[in-house]
Amino acid sequence: MNEAPPTSFTFKLDAAQQRRLAEELRAGNYQPVEVPYARIAGKRPDCQIALYESGKCLVQGKGAADWVAFVLEPQILGAVAVGYDRELHPEAFAPHMGIDESGKGDFFGPMVIAAAYVDADLATVFQRLGVRDSKQISSDRKALDLAEAIRRELRGRFALVKIGPRAYNRLYAKMGSVNLILAWGHARAIENLLDRVPDCPRAVADQFGPERQIREALMKAGKRIALEQRPRAESDLAVAAASILARAEFLLALKQLERDYGQPFPKGASPEARAAAEQLVRARGPEILLDVAKCHFRTADQVLEAAGHTRADLGPNGQAVSKAAR
């Protein structure tokens, strides 16, 4: 019989981690409580968190394990402390794949979906490497180096689906939804990895839409796999590994665009990205956006207007607009 998860955890936090925890307890959905010698303490229905003057953090309650795995580790510690212990989360060490994407919110470049396989041995190795959600890795160089280490360990047991801007714009014109494109890409990544690890029993992905969207996009092999979608799925080691692989592929794609066009291609949809796009449109014409950018973004309209064009100049695959841009 499996033992119940532990209900009490103690951590020693550094100054930066203490600040982050205090901010979480003040801004999050916690009921303030008075705890002797605690600097700040908060309570949820299933656990209580106290930060003491010494820097010690004490988490207690039946929901303590989940709070540590889904809040403390990713948001406060920035590393896995106990969230992947075999006793606490044995499913993290069982054979399965994780799927995640990169580039969804970036005007330039592709959308990349990655799937990565994990078993008990790989999970242990990934813990040692410090594998975590790519959004917690601030350095592009670190993400690229960690992706290379993950690739070496996986030895082909991963899959990448890179949807370049031209294909992405065509899909968006047809589907009219980022979530449907994501579901299609997740399904292809699952199918492609099953070709390499056909006995993988389970797939874990972040919750971005109804589960049926991925299931309906799966083909014969994929329909046999147990699919689990949940919020903050990046706390799973396989999903975290996939997130790093996807981010690395996205970063490499941006570098290739810079080499091809001889100018910067900033991440996100910032003023710097708009300025770079305006420079490109003025030099090469409006349809160049179809080859380098996700044209349903409001950024496309801003760039086109600044360069003296309209969306009509993009042709059929550039007419679809996201809800936020309407």
Protein backbone atom coordinates (compact mmCIF):
# COMPACT_ATOMS: atom_id res chain seq x y z
CA MET A 1 0.00 0.00 0.00
CA ASN A 2 1.31 3.48 -0.90
CA GLU A 3 1.95 5.76 2.05
CA ALA A 4 0.20 9.13 2.20
CA PRO A 5 2.32 12.11 1.11
CA PRO A 6 4.19 13.93 3.89
CA THR A 7 2.27 16.79 5.50
CA SER A 8 5.16 18.86 6.88
CA PHE A 9 8.16 20.41 5.12
CA THR A 10 10.93 22.73 6.32
CA PHE A 11 13.21 24.82 4.08
CA LYS A 12 15.99 27.30 4.72
CA LEU A 13 15.51 30.24 2.34
CA ASP A 14 18.06 32.80 1.23
CA ALA A 15 17.25 36.53 1.23
CA ALA A 16 15.86 36.59 -2.33
CA GLN A 17 13.71 33.53 -1.71
CA GLN A 18 12.38 35.07 1.50
CA ARG A 19 11.32 38.19 -0.42
CA ARG A 20 9.56 36.11 -3.07
CA LEU A 21 7.73 34.06 -0.45
CA ALA A 22 6.64 37.17 1.46
CA GLU A 23 5.29 38.67 -1.78
CA GLU A 24 3.45 35.43 -2.57
CA LEU A 25 1.82 35.33 0.86
CA ARG A 26 0.80 39.00 0.65
CA ALA A 27 -0.50 38.97 -2.93
CA GLY A 28 -1.83 35.43 -3.24
CA ASN A 29 -5.05 33.87 -2.03
CA TYR A 30 -3.98 33.33 1.58
CA GLN A 31 -5.63 34.15 4.89
CA PRO A 32 -3.14 36.00 7.14
CA VAL A 33 -2.47 34.19 10.42
CA GLU A 34 -0.45 34.99 13.54
CA VAL A 35 2.36 32.51 14.21
CA PRO A 36 4.83 33.09 17.08
CA TYR A 37 8.26 34.24 15.86
CA ALA A 38 7.09 34.24 12.23
CA ARG A 39 7.79 37.25 10.02
CA ILE A 40 4.71 36.45 7.93
CA ALA A 41 2.33 33.51 7.69
CA GLY A 42 -0.59 32.58 5.49
CA LYS A 43 -3.23 29.88 5.45
CA ARG A 44 -5.07 28.05 2.68
CA PRO A 45 -7.84 25.48 3.14
CA ASP A 46 -5.35 22.61 2.89
CA CYS A 47 -2.10 23.98 4.33
CA GLN A 48 -0.37 26.72 6.30
CA ILE A 49 2.89 28.46 5.38
CA ALA A 50 5.05 30.36 7.85
CA LEU A 51 8.24 32.30 7.18
CA TYR A 52 10.30 32.80 10.33
CA GLU A 53 12.79 35.56 11.13
CA SER A 54 15.57 32.98 10.86
CA GLY A 55 14.72 32.41 7.16
CA LYS A 56 13.12 29.05 7.87
CA CYS A 57 9.94 28.24 5.93
CA LEU A 58 7.55 25.72 7.46
CA VAL A 59 4.73 24.23 5.35
CA GLN A 60 2.15 22.05 7.09
CA GLY A 61 -1.14 20.42 6.17
CA LYS A 62 -2.65 17.76 3.96
CA GLY A 63 -2.03 19.93 0.89
CA ALA A 64 1.57 20.77 1.83
CA ALA A 65 3.13 18.43 -0.75
CA ASP A 66 1.18 19.95 -3.63
CA TRP A 67 1.90 23.51 -2.48
CA VAL A 68 5.62 22.72 -2.35
CA ALA A 69 5.57 21.13 -5.80
CA PHE A 70 3.40 23.71 -7.56
CA VAL A 71 4.19 26.98 -5.75
CA LEU A 72 7.31 26.87 -3.59
CA GLU A 73 9.61 25.02 -5.98
CA PRO A 74 8.78 26.80 -9.27
CA GLN A 75 7.98 30.29 -7.94
CA ILE A 76 10.07 30.70 -4.79
CA LEU A 77 13.00 28.28 -4.88
CA GLY A 78 13.43 28.14 -8.66
CA ALA A 79 14.55 24.54 -8.26
CA VAL A 80 13.25 21.12 -7.35
CA ALA A 81 13.67 20.43 -3.65
CA VAL A 82 11.31 17.58 -2.80
CA GLY A 83 8.60 17.82 -5.45
CA TYR A 84 9.99 14.90 -7.43
CA ASP A 85 10.91 12.61 -4.55
CA ARG A 86 9.78 9.09 -5.39
CA GLU A 87 7.77 8.85 -2.19
CA LEU A 88 6.03 12.17 -2.81
CA HIS A 89 5.34 11.91 -6.55
CA PRO A 90 6.04 8.37 -7.77
CA GLU A 91 4.25 9.11 -11.05
CA ALA A 92 7.06 11.53 -11.97
CA PHE A 93 9.45 8.54 -12.08
CA ALA A 94 7.11 6.23 -14.00
CA PRO A 95 7.60 6.03 -17.79
CA HIS A 96 5.74 8.84 -19.55
CA MET A 97 6.23 11.74 -21.93
CA GLY A 98 5.77 15.45 -21.40
CA ILE A 99 4.78 18.01 -24.05
CA ASP A 100 5.29 21.76 -24.02
CA GLU A 101 5.71 24.64 -26.47
CA SER A 102 7.72 27.81 -27.04
CA GLY A 103 7.14 30.85 -29.24
CA LYS A 104 3.39 31.15 -28.69
CA GLY A 105 3.61 34.71 -27.42
CA ASP A 106 6.44 35.84 -29.69
CA PHE A 107 5.71 37.89 -32.81
CA PHE A 108 8.79 36.67 -34.65
CA GLY A 109 9.79 33.09 -35.27
CA PRO A 110 8.11 29.71 -35.19
CA MET A 111 5.97 27.97 -32.66
CA VAL A 112 7.84 24.91 -31.44
CA ILE A 113 6.22 21.96 -29.67
CA ALA A 114 8.47 19.37 -28.02
CA ALA A 115 7.80 15.99 -26.44
CA ALA A 116 10.32 14.34 -24.11
CA TYR A 117 10.33 10.87 -22.59
CA VAL A 118 11.16 10.17 -18.95
CA ASP A 119 11.55 7.00 -16.90
CA ALA A 120 13.02 6.44 -13.43
CA ASP A 121 16.65 6.63 -14.61
CA LEU A 122 16.10 9.72 -16.75
CA ALA A 123 14.12 11.46 -14.02
CA THR A 124 17.04 10.99 -11.63
CA VAL A 125 19.48 12.36 -14.21
CA PHE A 126 17.22 15.34 -14.97
CA GLN A 127 17.01 16.14 -11.26
CA ARG A 128 20.80 16.21 -11.10
CA LEU A 129 20.99 18.44 -14.19
CA GLY A 130 18.57 20.93 -12.65
CA VAL A 131 15.88 20.50 -15.29
CA ARG A 132 12.98 22.87 -14.62
CA ASP A 133 10.40 24.91 -16.47
CA SER A 134 12.22 26.93 -19.16
CA LYS A 135 10.45 30.11 -18.00
CA GLN A 136 12.54 29.88 -14.82
CA ILE A 137 15.77 29.98 -16.85
CA SER A 138 16.65 33.62 -17.47
CA SER A 139 19.74 33.01 -19.63
CA ASP A 140 19.35 31.94 -23.26
CA ARG A 141 22.83 30.43 -23.10
CA LYS A 142 21.86 28.34 -20.07
CA ALA A 143 18.71 27.13 -21.83
CA LEU A 144 20.70 26.11 -24.91
CA ASP A 145 23.33 24.30 -22.85
CA LEU A 146 20.72 22.49 -20.76
CA ALA A 147 18.82 21.47 -23.91
CA GLU A 148 22.03 19.96 -25.30
CA ALA A 149 22.53 17.96 -22.09
CA ILE A 150 18.91 16.76 -22.21
CA ARG A 151 19.32 15.65 -25.83
CA ARG A 152 22.41 13.63 -24.94
CA GLU A 153 20.59 11.83 -22.15
CA LEU A 154 17.44 11.15 -24.17
CA ARG A 155 19.36 9.63 -27.10
CA GLY A 156 16.60 10.27 -29.58
CA ARG A 157 13.68 9.76 -27.21
CA PHE A 158 12.21 13.17 -27.93
CA ALA A 159 10.30 14.83 -30.76
CA LEU A 160 10.18 18.38 -32.08
CA VAL A 161 7.42 19.93 -34.17
CA LYS A 162 8.52 23.30 -35.53
CA ILE A 163 5.76 25.32 -37.17
CA GLY A 164 7.54 28.05 -39.12
CA PRO A 165 5.85 31.42 -39.68
CA ARG A 166 4.68 30.65 -43.23
CA ALA A 167 3.04 27.36 -42.10
CA TYR A 168 1.78 28.95 -38.88
CA ASN A 169 0.02 31.76 -40.76
CA ARG A 170 -1.53 29.25 -43.13
CA LEU A 171 -2.79 27.16 -40.18
CA TYR A 172 -4.14 30.20 -38.36
CA ALA A 173 -5.98 31.34 -41.50
CA LYS A 174 -7.59 27.88 -41.64
CA MET A 175 -8.19 27.23 -37.91
CA GLY A 176 -8.57 30.74 -36.49
CA SER A 177 -7.32 29.65 -33.06
CA VAL A 178 -3.93 29.37 -31.36
CA ASN A 179 -5.30 26.60 -29.15
CA LEU A 180 -6.27 24.50 -32.17
CA ILE A 181 -2.78 24.94 -33.62
CA LEU A 182 -1.33 23.96 -30.24
CA ALA A 183 -3.56 20.88 -30.10
CA TRP A 184 -2.50 19.87 -33.62
CA GLY A 185 1.19 20.36 -32.72
CA HIS A 186 0.88 18.49 -29.42
CA ALA A 187 -0.80 15.58 -31.21
CA ARG A 188 1.96 15.44 -33.85
CA ALA A 189 4.66 15.52 -31.16
CA ILE A 190 2.96 12.68 -29.27
CA GLU A 191 2.64 10.58 -32.43
CA ASN A 192 6.25 11.24 -33.45
CA LEU A 193 7.62 10.27 -30.04
CA LEU A 194 5.47 7.13 -29.97
CA ASP A 195 7.27 6.07 -33.15
CA ARG A 196 10.48 6.05 -31.08
CA VAL A 197 9.06 4.86 -27.74
CA PRO A 198 5.99 2.84 -28.77
CA ASP A 199 5.35 1.45 -25.29
CA CYS A 200 5.13 4.87 -23.58
CA PRO A 201 1.86 4.63 -21.63
CA ARG A 202 1.12 8.23 -20.64
CA ALA A 203 1.46 11.82 -21.86
CA VAL A 204 1.35 14.96 -19.68
CA ALA A 205 0.71 18.45 -21.07
CA ASP A 206 -0.21 21.86 -19.77
CA GLN A 207 -3.89 22.83 -19.70
CA PHE A 208 -4.43 25.29 -22.57
CA GLY A 209 -7.87 24.23 -23.80
CA PRO A 210 -10.36 21.35 -23.69
CA GLU A 211 -8.61 17.96 -23.55
CA ARG A 212 -10.71 16.81 -26.50
CA GLN A 213 -8.82 19.21 -28.78
CA ILE A 214 -5.65 17.15 -28.51
CA ARG A 215 -7.51 13.84 -28.48
CA GLU A 216 -9.40 14.69 -31.66
CA ALA A 217 -6.11 15.58 -33.39
CA LEU A 218 -4.44 12.29 -32.43
CA MET A 219 -4.19 9.48 -34.93
CA LYS A 220 -4.40 5.73 -34.34
CA ALA A 221 -1.24 5.27 -32.25
CA GLY A 222 -1.84 8.35 -30.13
CA LYS A 223 -5.44 7.47 -29.26
CA ARG A 224 -4.15 4.55 -27.16
CA ILE A 225 -2.09 6.71 -24.82
CA ALA A 226 -3.40 8.04 -21.50
CA LEU A 227 -3.45 11.84 -21.85
CA GLU A 228 -3.30 14.10 -18.81
CA GLN A 229 -3.69 17.87 -19.10
CA ARG A 230 -3.33 19.97 -15.96
CA PRO A 231 -2.41 23.49 -14.90
CA ARG A 232 1.29 24.11 -14.16
CA ALA A 233 2.25 20.86 -15.86
CA GLU A 234 5.81 22.22 -16.12
CA SER A 235 6.31 20.93 -12.57
CA ASP A 236 6.54 17.48 -14.20
CA LEU A 237 10.13 16.61 -15.18
CA ALA A 238 9.17 15.35 -18.64
CA VAL A 239 7.19 18.53 -19.38
CA ALA A 240 10.03 20.65 -18.00
CA ALA A 241 12.50 18.85 -20.27
CA ALA A 242 10.18 19.37 -23.24
CA SER A 243 9.84 23.07 -22.40
CA ILE A 244 13.63 23.48 -22.49
CA LEU A 245 13.96 21.58 -25.78
CA ALA A 246 11.21 23.71 -27.33
CA ARG A 247 12.73 26.96 -26.10
CA ALA A 248 16.18 26.03 -27.40
CA GLU A 249 14.78 25.22 -30.85
CA PHE A 250 12.89 28.53 -30.86
CA LEU A 251 16.03 30.48 -29.90
CA LEU A 252 18.01 28.76 -32.65
CA ALA A 253 15.30 29.66 -35.15
CA LEU A 254 15.54 33.34 -34.18
CA LYS A 255 19.32 33.21 -34.61
CA GLN A 256 18.82 31.74 -38.09
CA LEU A 257 16.44 34.58 -39.00
CA GLU A 258 19.09 37.07 -37.88
CA ARG A 259 21.64 35.39 -40.13
CA ASP A 260 19.23 35.22 -43.07
CA TYR A 261 18.10 38.85 -42.92
CA GLY A 262 21.04 40.59 -41.28
CA GLN A 263 19.08 42.30 -38.51
CA PRO A 264 17.85 41.61 -34.96
CA PHE A 265 14.68 39.61 -34.31
CA PRO A 266 13.75 40.41 -30.68
CA LYS A 267 11.69 38.03 -28.58
CA GLY A 268 8.12 38.82 -27.49
CA ALA A 269 5.96 41.55 -29.03
CA SER A 270 7.84 44.51 -27.59
CA PRO A 271 8.48 47.96 -29.11
CA GLU A 272 11.87 46.59 -30.14
CA ALA A 273 10.15 43.78 -32.06
CA ARG A 274 7.85 46.30 -33.78
CA ALA A 275 10.80 48.49 -34.76
CA ALA A 276 12.64 45.49 -36.21
CA ALA A 277 9.54 44.45 -38.17
CA GLU A 278 9.05 47.98 -39.55
CA GLN A 279 12.65 48.00 -40.71
CA LEU A 280 12.12 44.69 -42.48
CA VAL A 281 8.84 45.73 -44.13
CA ARG A 282 10.32 48.98 -45.41
CA ALA A 283 13.25 47.08 -46.91
CA ARG A 284 11.45 44.02 -48.31
CA GLY A 285 7.73 44.78 -48.54
CA PRO A 286 4.76 43.80 -46.36
CA GLU A 287 4.52 40.14 -47.40
CA ILE A 288 7.86 39.46 -45.73
CA LEU A 289 5.92 39.31 -42.46
CA LEU A 290 4.36 36.03 -43.57
CA ASP A 291 7.85 34.49 -43.61
CA VAL A 292 9.10 35.78 -40.27
CA ALA A 293 6.15 36.60 -37.99
CA LYS A 294 2.79 35.45 -36.63
CA CYS A 295 0.55 37.80 -38.54
CA HIS A 296 -2.62 37.49 -36.45
CA PHE A 297 -0.88 39.54 -33.72
CA ARG A 298 -2.02 43.14 -33.31
CA THR A 299 1.68 43.96 -33.77
CA ALA A 300 1.29 43.20 -37.49
CA ASP A 301 -1.31 45.95 -37.92
CA GLN A 302 0.84 48.42 -36.01
CA VAL A 303 3.88 47.59 -38.14
CA LEU A 304 1.98 47.75 -41.41
CA GLU A 305 0.37 51.09 -40.57
CA ALA A 306 3.73 52.59 -39.59
CA ALA A 307 5.23 51.43 -42.89
CA GLY A 308 2.34 52.74 -45.00
CA HIS A 309 0.53 49.45 -45.64
CA THR A 310 -2.59 47.59 -44.51
CA ARG A 311 -3.38 43.98 -43.69
CA ALA A 312 -4.87 43.61 -47.18
CA ASP A 313 -1.29 43.71 -48.50
CA LEU A 314 -0.50 40.41 -46.77
CA GLY A 315 -2.67 38.24 -49.01
CA PRO A 316 -5.13 35.49 -48.01
CA ASN A 317 -3.02 33.89 -45.26
CA GLY A 318 -2.51 37.19 -43.48
CA GLN A 319 -6.13 38.24 -43.02
CA ALA A 320 -7.03 36.27 -39.89
CA VAL A 321 -6.79 38.39 -36.74
CA SER A 322 -6.75 37.22 -33.12
CA LYS A 323 -9.52 38.39 -30.79
CA ALA A 324 -7.11 40.70 -28.99
CA ALA A 325 -6.31 42.50 -32.25
CA ARG A 326 -9.90 43.01 -33.37
